Amino acid sequence: MRSDAKKRLRNTAGASAILTIKKSFRQALQTDKTQAQKIGLDLISRVDKAASKGIIPKGRADRVKSRVHAELHRLGCAASSK
């Protein structure tokens, strides 16, 4: 039970961080294109890492990455994840 509690805290923190970055990405899309590109690439990286650790499902990670790339493409930013 103790190990489950530790895992739950770690997973909750990871998922919460992703939601916070998604929110800042949406706000940056409204204001600053270069900032949105930087935040978008950070979001893609964190989503990949969370999916590899099992914090979020792989399908959800793929969907988030696809939507971020689409938004960056719409703005005219060149989005390269690595």
Protein backbone atom coordinates (compact mmCIF):
# COMPACT_ATOMS: atom_id res chain seq x y z
CA MET A 1 0.00 0.00 0.00
CA ARG A 2 2.87 2.36 0.72
CA SER A 3 4.45 1.78 -2.66
CA ASP A 4 1.07 2.31 -4.34
CA ALA A 5 0.70 5.62 -2.52
CA LYS A 6 4.16 6.73 -3.71
CA LYS A 7 3.37 5.74 -7.28
CA ARG A 8 0.02 7.51 -7.14
CA LEU A 9 1.65 10.73 -5.94
CA ARG A 10 4.32 10.54 -8.64
CA ASN A 11 1.77 9.79 -11.37
CA THR A 12 -0.57 12.55 -10.20
CA ALA A 13 2.25 15.06 -10.18
CA GLY A 14 3.34 14.05 -13.68
CA ALA A 15 -0.17 14.25 -15.10
CA SER A 16 -0.75 17.59 -13.39
CA ALA A 17 2.46 19.02 -14.85
CA ILE A 18 1.33 18.02 -18.34
CA LEU A 19 -2.02 19.74 -17.86
CA THR A 20 -0.28 22.90 -16.63
CA ILE A 21 2.02 22.97 -19.66
CA LYS A 22 -0.93 22.37 -21.99
CA LYS A 23 -2.69 25.35 -20.43
CA SER A 24 0.35 27.60 -20.85
CA PHE A 25 0.71 26.38 -24.46
CA ARG A 26 -2.88 27.38 -25.23
CA GLN A 27 -2.26 30.82 -23.70
CA ALA A 28 0.99 31.25 -25.62
CA LEU A 29 -0.80 30.44 -28.88
CA GLN A 30 -2.87 33.57 -28.34
CA THR A 31 0.06 35.89 -27.68
CA ASP A 32 3.56 34.85 -28.71
CA LYS A 33 4.38 32.49 -31.57
CA THR A 34 8.00 31.83 -30.58
CA GLN A 35 7.04 31.17 -26.96
CA ALA A 36 4.29 28.83 -28.14
CA GLN A 37 6.81 26.88 -30.20
CA LYS A 38 9.17 26.53 -27.22
CA ILE A 39 6.37 25.44 -24.88
CA GLY A 40 4.94 23.10 -27.51
CA LEU A 41 8.22 21.26 -27.94
CA ASP A 42 8.57 20.99 -24.16
CA LEU A 43 5.03 19.62 -23.97
CA ILE A 44 5.79 16.99 -26.61
CA SER A 45 8.89 15.92 -24.73
CA ARG A 46 7.09 15.61 -21.40
CA VAL A 47 4.17 13.74 -22.93
CA ASP A 48 6.56 11.24 -24.52
CA LYS A 49 8.34 10.73 -21.22
CA ALA A 50 5.06 10.31 -19.32
CA ALA A 51 3.81 7.75 -21.85
CA SER A 52 7.04 5.77 -21.63
CA LYS A 53 6.75 5.65 -17.83
CA GLY A 54 3.08 4.64 -17.95
CA ILE A 55 1.72 7.84 -16.40
CA ILE A 56 -0.58 8.42 -19.38
CA PRO A 57 -1.63 5.98 -22.11
CA LYS A 58 0.36 5.94 -25.36
CA GLY A 59 -2.73 6.75 -27.43
CA ARG A 60 -3.38 9.88 -25.40
CA ALA A 61 0.23 10.93 -25.80
CA ASP A 62 0.03 10.46 -29.57
CA ARG A 63 -3.17 12.48 -29.71
CA VAL A 64 -1.70 15.37 -27.68
CA LYS A 65 1.46 15.40 -29.80
CA SER A 66 -0.58 15.41 -33.00
CA ARG A 67 -2.67 18.35 -31.82
CA VAL A 68 0.39 20.32 -30.73
CA HIS A 69 2.07 19.74 -34.09
CA ALA A 70 -1.12 20.79 -35.89
CA GLU A 71 -1.33 24.03 -33.92
CA LEU A 72 2.32 24.82 -34.52
CA HIS A 73 1.91 24.07 -38.22
CA ARG A 74 -1.12 26.34 -38.35
CA LEU A 75 0.98 29.15 -36.88
CA GLY A 76 3.74 28.51 -39.38
CA CYS A 77 6.28 27.26 -36.87
CA ALA A 78 8.65 24.49 -37.82
CA ALA A 79 8.09 21.86 -35.15
CA SER A 80 10.83 19.35 -34.77
CA SER A 81 10.60 17.30 -31.60
CA LYS A 82 14.32 16.45 -31.38
